[in-house]
């Protein structure tokens, strides 16, 4: 399991690309399970009132995979779906875990109190790191320039934010 975490971390830190991962349905399922477990843990440990846990868990996997399939299909690179999907979900799980820790720390400060500057800086740094990690995935998966990969990465993050906002408004 540590080799798997290290592989996703290496991709996030631009040491490797998704091509370093095996094109395996089992790995994709394992990454999806990890992503869902982080989502559910976050929902159970830091509950939001009225949040639909099952819907959030399903969207945690379905939305990224649909986005990945769509981008790869449009660029005629569907053969990279297993590796790219695994990388996207693995990075989502890693960042989700770090985000969960930051959220727990901010809740420990107390509601209504301003976030300590360090937590605010760490939150923004995590968002930037997430964008850059996804940029590496898309750069490699699409064999494209950094600017194109950055736009796809930004589109991916915006899609996730819109889905999260819609999920909150469903309550």
C-alpha atoms as a PDB file:
ATOM      1  CA  UNK A   1       0.000   0.000   0.000  1.00  0.00           C
ATOM      2  CA  UNK A   2       2.862   2.387   0.735  1.00  0.00           C
ATOM      3  CA  UNK A   3       4.196   1.826  -2.795  1.00  0.00           C
ATOM      4  CA  UNK A   4       0.832   2.927  -4.145  1.00  0.00           C
ATOM      5  CA  UNK A   5       0.766   6.061  -1.997  1.00  0.00           C
ATOM      6  CA  UNK A   6       4.360   6.801  -3.030  1.00  0.00           C
ATOM      7  CA  UNK A   7       3.444   6.382  -6.702  1.00  0.00           C
ATOM      8  CA  UNK A   8       0.603   8.908  -6.410  1.00  0.00           C
ATOM      9  CA  UNK A   9       2.817  11.248  -4.404  1.00  0.00           C
ATOM     10  CA  UNK A  10       5.542  10.995  -7.065  1.00  0.00           C
ATOM     11  CA  UNK A  11       2.993  11.924  -9.730  1.00  0.00           C
ATOM     12  CA  UNK A  12       1.730  14.845  -7.637  1.00  0.00           C
ATOM     13  CA  UNK A  13       5.302  16.090  -7.140  1.00  0.00           C
ATOM     14  CA  UNK A  14       6.114  15.788 -10.873  1.00  0.00           C
ATOM     15  CA  UNK A  15       8.678  13.023 -10.344  1.00  0.00           C
ATOM     16  CA  UNK A  16       6.633  10.593 -12.448  1.00  0.00           C
ATOM     17  CA  UNK A  17       3.682  10.616 -14.821  1.00  0.00           C
ATOM     18  CA  UNK A  18       0.565   8.438 -14.911  1.00  0.00           C
ATOM     19  CA  UNK A  19       2.447   6.255 -17.413  1.00  0.00           C
ATOM     20  CA  UNK A  20       4.359   4.883 -14.406  1.00  0.00           C
ATOM     21  CA  UNK A  21       1.123   3.296 -13.179  1.00  0.00           C
ATOM     22  CA  UNK A  22      -0.083  -0.023 -14.560  1.00  0.00           C
ATOM     23  CA  UNK A  23      -3.117   0.160 -16.851  1.00  0.00           C
ATOM     24  CA  UNK A  24      -5.187  -1.841 -14.410  1.00  0.00           C
ATOM     25  CA  UNK A  25      -8.895  -1.877 -13.644  1.00  0.00           C
ATOM     26  CA  UNK A  26      -8.007  -3.145 -10.171  1.00  0.00           C
ATOM     27  CA  UNK A  27      -5.769  -0.114  -9.528  1.00  0.00           C
ATOM     28  CA  UNK A  28      -8.500   2.209 -10.774  1.00  0.00           C
ATOM     29  CA  UNK A  29     -10.982   0.543  -8.419  1.00  0.00           C
ATOM     30  CA  UNK A  30      -8.508   0.768  -5.538  1.00  0.00           C
ATOM     31  CA  UNK A  31      -7.916   4.487  -6.185  1.00  0.00           C
ATOM     32  CA  UNK A  32     -11.677   5.023  -6.406  1.00  0.00           C
ATOM     33  CA  UNK A  33     -12.183   3.186  -3.114  1.00  0.00           C
ATOM     34  CA  UNK A  34      -9.499   5.293  -1.422  1.00  0.00           C
ATOM     35  CA  UNK A  35     -11.117   8.471  -2.726  1.00  0.00           C
ATOM     36  CA  UNK A  36     -14.560   7.375  -1.499  1.00  0.00           C
ATOM     37  CA  UNK A  37     -13.177   6.388   1.919  1.00  0.00           C
ATOM     38  CA  UNK A  38     -11.576   9.812   2.352  1.00  0.00           C
ATOM     39  CA  UNK A  39     -14.849  11.488   1.315  1.00  0.00           C
ATOM     40  CA  UNK A  40     -16.938   9.381   3.683  1.00  0.00           C
ATOM     41  CA  UNK A  41     -14.432   9.835   6.525  1.00  0.00           C
ATOM     42  CA  UNK A  42     -14.621  13.576   6.018  1.00  0.00           C
ATOM     43  CA  UNK A  43     -18.406  13.488   6.015  1.00  0.00           C
ATOM     44  CA  UNK A  44     -18.534  11.370   9.157  1.00  0.00           C
ATOM     45  CA  UNK A  45     -15.781  13.124  11.109  1.00  0.00           C
ATOM     46  CA  UNK A  46     -16.676  16.664  10.077  1.00  0.00           C
ATOM     47  CA  UNK A  47     -20.373  16.427   9.250  1.00  0.00           C
ATOM     48  CA  UNK A  48     -22.134  19.150   7.337  1.00  0.00           C
ATOM     49  CA  UNK A  49     -25.816  19.448   8.244  1.00  0.00           C
ATOM     50  CA  UNK A  50     -28.028  17.583   5.814  1.00  0.00           C
ATOM     51  CA  UNK A  51     -25.225  16.489   3.500  1.00  0.00           C
ATOM     52  CA  UNK A  52     -26.045  13.523   1.295  1.00  0.00           C
ATOM     53  CA  UNK A  53     -23.141  11.210   2.066  1.00  0.00           C
ATOM     54  CA  UNK A  54     -24.030   8.537  -0.483  1.00  0.00           C
ATOM     55  CA  UNK A  55     -24.487  11.068  -3.290  1.00  0.00           C
ATOM     56  CA  UNK A  56     -21.206  12.775  -2.362  1.00  0.00           C
ATOM     57  CA  UNK A  57     -19.392   9.419  -2.353  1.00  0.00           C
ATOM     58  CA  UNK A  58     -20.733   8.478  -5.782  1.00  0.00           C
ATOM     59  CA  UNK A  59     -19.931  11.887  -7.277  1.00  0.00           C
ATOM     60  CA  UNK A  60     -16.421  11.693  -5.808  1.00  0.00           C
ATOM     61  CA  UNK A  61     -15.676   8.905  -8.276  1.00  0.00           C
ATOM     62  CA  UNK A  62     -18.135   9.357 -11.124  1.00  0.00           C
ATOM     63  CA  UNK A  63     -17.487  13.048 -11.856  1.00  0.00           C
ATOM     64  CA  UNK A  64     -13.679  12.757 -12.150  1.00  0.00           C
ATOM     65  CA  UNK A  65     -13.922   9.612 -14.262  1.00  0.00           C
ATOM     66  CA  UNK A  66     -16.512  11.165 -16.584  1.00  0.00           C
ATOM     67  CA  UNK A  67     -14.386  14.305 -16.940  1.00  0.00           C
ATOM     68  CA  UNK A  68     -11.287  12.195 -17.596  1.00  0.00           C
ATOM     69  CA  UNK A  69     -13.082  10.041 -20.158  1.00  0.00           C
ATOM     70  CA  UNK A  70     -14.504  13.111 -21.909  1.00  0.00           C
ATOM     71  CA  UNK A  71     -11.137  14.893 -22.160  1.00  0.00           C
ATOM     72  CA  UNK A  72      -9.346  11.747 -23.326  1.00  0.00           C
ATOM     73  CA  UNK A  73     -12.094  10.943 -25.839  1.00  0.00           C
ATOM     74  CA  UNK A  74     -12.021  14.474 -27.271  1.00  0.00           C
ATOM     75  CA  UNK A  75      -8.254  14.221 -27.719  1.00  0.00           C
ATOM     76  CA  UNK A  76      -8.409  10.648 -29.053  1.00  0.00           C
ATOM     77  CA  UNK A  77      -6.445   9.184 -26.148  1.00  0.00           C
ATOM     78  CA  UNK A  78      -9.051   6.897 -24.575  1.00  0.00           C
ATOM     79  CA  UNK A  79      -6.437   4.166 -24.252  1.00  0.00           C
ATOM     80  CA  UNK A  80      -4.975   6.174 -21.334  1.00  0.00           C
ATOM     81  CA  UNK A  81      -8.175   6.100 -19.276  1.00  0.00           C
ATOM     82  CA  UNK A  82      -7.084   3.509 -16.700  1.00  0.00           C
ATOM     83  CA  UNK A  83      -3.760   5.173 -15.883  1.00  0.00           C
ATOM     84  CA  UNK A  84      -5.051   8.750 -16.032  1.00  0.00           C
ATOM     85  CA  UNK A  85      -8.190   7.905 -14.060  1.00  0.00           C
ATOM     86  CA  UNK A  86      -6.124   6.116 -11.428  1.00  0.00           C
ATOM     87  CA  UNK A  87      -3.775   9.093 -11.146  1.00  0.00           C
ATOM     88  CA  UNK A  88      -6.624  11.606 -10.907  1.00  0.00           C
ATOM     89  CA  UNK A  89      -8.452   9.622  -8.224  1.00  0.00           C
ATOM     90  CA  UNK A  90      -5.244   8.847  -6.325  1.00  0.00           C
ATOM     91  CA  UNK A  91      -4.274  12.505  -6.213  1.00  0.00           C
ATOM     92  CA  UNK A  92      -7.831  13.400  -5.185  1.00  0.00           C
ATOM     93  CA  UNK A  93      -7.565  10.960  -2.275  1.00  0.00           C
ATOM     94  CA  UNK A  94      -4.196  12.340  -1.147  1.00  0.00           C
ATOM     95  CA  UNK A  95      -5.327  15.950  -1.336  1.00  0.00           C
ATOM     96  CA  UNK A  96      -8.649  15.042   0.277  1.00  0.00           C
ATOM     97  CA  UNK A  97      -6.826  13.537   3.222  1.00  0.00           C
ATOM     98  CA  UNK A  98      -4.653  16.633   3.642  1.00  0.00           C
ATOM     99  CA  UNK A  99      -7.713  18.844   3.255  1.00  0.00           C
ATOM    100  CA  UNK A 100      -9.495  16.825   5.925  1.00  0.00           C
ATOM    101  CA  UNK A 101      -6.604  17.445   8.310  1.00  0.00           C
ATOM    102  CA  UNK A 102      -6.673  21.185   7.578  1.00  0.00           C
ATOM    103  CA  UNK A 103     -10.441  21.291   8.079  1.00  0.00           C
ATOM    104  CA  UNK A 104     -10.113  19.500  11.412  1.00  0.00           C
ATOM    105  CA  UNK A 105      -7.441  21.980  12.487  1.00  0.00           C
ATOM    106  CA  UNK A 106      -9.601  24.955  11.516  1.00  0.00           C
ATOM    107  CA  UNK A 107     -12.584  23.520  13.410  1.00  0.00           C
ATOM    108  CA  UNK A 108     -10.353  23.043  16.446  1.00  0.00           C
ATOM    109  CA  UNK A 109      -9.737  26.809  16.382  1.00  0.00           C
ATOM    110  CA  UNK A 110     -13.456  27.329  16.840  1.00  0.00           C
ATOM    111  CA  UNK A 111     -16.385  28.615  14.870  1.00  0.00           C
ATOM    112  CA  UNK A 112     -16.651  32.344  14.427  1.00  0.00           C
ATOM    113  CA  UNK A 113     -12.967  32.915  15.113  1.00  0.00           C
ATOM    114  CA  UNK A 114     -10.647  33.929  12.301  1.00  0.00           C
ATOM    115  CA  UNK A 115      -8.432  31.261  10.839  1.00  0.00           C
ATOM    116  CA  UNK A 116      -4.861  31.523  11.951  1.00  0.00           C
ATOM    117  CA  UNK A 117      -2.784  32.861   9.063  1.00  0.00           C
ATOM    118  CA  UNK A 118      -0.801  29.632   8.861  1.00  0.00           C
ATOM    119  CA  UNK A 119      -3.942  27.542   8.247  1.00  0.00           C
ATOM    120  CA  UNK A 120      -5.167  29.996   5.612  1.00  0.00           C
ATOM    121  CA  UNK A 121      -1.798  29.914   3.825  1.00  0.00           C
ATOM    122  CA  UNK A 122      -1.713  26.113   4.011  1.00  0.00           C
ATOM    123  CA  UNK A 123      -5.221  25.901   2.549  1.00  0.00           C
ATOM    124  CA  UNK A 124      -4.280  28.073  -0.427  1.00  0.00           C
ATOM    125  CA  UNK A 125      -0.994  26.223  -0.852  1.00  0.00           C
ATOM    126  CA  UNK A 126      -2.898  22.925  -0.927  1.00  0.00           C
ATOM    127  CA  UNK A 127      -5.203  24.274  -3.646  1.00  0.00           C
ATOM    128  CA  UNK A 128      -2.226  25.428  -5.732  1.00  0.00           C
ATOM    129  CA  UNK A 129      -0.466  22.095  -5.185  1.00  0.00           C
ATOM    130  CA  UNK A 130      -3.639  20.291  -6.267  1.00  0.00           C
ATOM    131  CA  UNK A 131      -3.840  22.339  -9.460  1.00  0.00           C
ATOM    132  CA  UNK A 132      -0.171  21.668 -10.210  1.00  0.00           C
ATOM    133  CA  UNK A 133      -0.479  17.936  -9.503  1.00  0.00           C
ATOM    134  CA  UNK A 134      -3.423  17.675 -11.882  1.00  0.00           C
ATOM    135  CA  UNK A 135      -1.505  19.765 -14.381  1.00  0.00           C
ATOM    136  CA  UNK A 136       1.219  17.105 -14.419  1.00  0.00           C
ATOM    137  CA  UNK A 137      -1.364  14.377 -14.996  1.00  0.00           C
ATOM    138  CA  UNK A 138      -3.010  16.215 -17.888  1.00  0.00           C
ATOM    139  CA  UNK A 139       0.297  17.318 -19.415  1.00  0.00           C
ATOM    140  CA  UNK A 140       1.443  13.721 -19.581  1.00  0.00           C
ATOM    141  CA  UNK A 141      -1.901  12.184 -20.534  1.00  0.00           C
ATOM    142  CA  UNK A 142      -2.528  14.604 -23.373  1.00  0.00           C
ATOM    143  CA  UNK A 143       1.095  15.104 -24.503  1.00  0.00           C
ATOM    144  CA  UNK A 144       0.505  18.823 -24.400  1.00  0.00           C
ATOM    145  CA  UNK A 145       2.028  22.112 -23.311  1.00  0.00           C
ATOM    146  CA  UNK A 146       1.843  23.306 -19.716  1.00  0.00           C
ATOM    147  CA  UNK A 147      -0.643  26.060 -20.530  1.00  0.00           C
ATOM    148  CA  UNK A 148      -3.099  23.563 -22.057  1.00  0.00           C
ATOM    149  CA  UNK A 149      -2.619  21.193 -19.143  1.00  0.00           C
ATOM    150  CA  UNK A 150      -3.159  24.090 -16.751  1.00  0.00           C
ATOM    151  CA  UNK A 151      -6.439  24.999 -18.435  1.00  0.00           C
ATOM    152  CA  UNK A 152      -7.682  21.398 -18.277  1.00  0.00           C
ATOM    153  CA  UNK A 153      -6.585  21.192 -14.624  1.00  0.00           C
ATOM    154  CA  UNK A 154      -8.388  24.435 -13.845  1.00  0.00           C
ATOM    155  CA  UNK A 155     -11.500  23.188 -15.647  1.00  0.00           C
ATOM    156  CA  UNK A 156     -11.363  19.993 -13.617  1.00  0.00           C
ATOM    157  CA  UNK A 157     -11.120  21.856 -10.299  1.00  0.00           C
ATOM    158  CA  UNK A 158     -13.910  24.261 -11.301  1.00  0.00           C
ATOM    159  CA  UNK A 159     -16.099  21.266 -12.211  1.00  0.00           C
ATOM    160  CA  UNK A 160     -15.473  19.780  -8.767  1.00  0.00           C
ATOM    161  CA  UNK A 161     -16.288  23.074  -7.039  1.00  0.00           C
ATOM    162  CA  UNK A 162     -19.531  23.452  -9.013  1.00  0.00           C
ATOM    163  CA  UNK A 163     -20.580  19.908  -8.147  1.00  0.00           C
ATOM    164  CA  UNK A 164     -19.729  20.475  -4.475  1.00  0.00           C
ATOM    165  CA  UNK A 165     -21.721  23.724  -4.469  1.00  0.00           C
ATOM    166  CA  UNK A 166     -24.692  22.014  -6.129  1.00  0.00           C
ATOM    167  CA  UNK A 167     -24.476  19.179  -3.635  1.00  0.00           C
ATOM    168  CA  UNK A 168     -24.650  21.686  -0.785  1.00  0.00           C
ATOM    169  CA  UNK A 169     -27.605  23.519  -2.356  1.00  0.00           C
ATOM    170  CA  UNK A 170     -29.550  20.243  -2.788  1.00  0.00           C
ATOM    171  CA  UNK A 171     -30.042  20.039   0.981  1.00  0.00           C
END
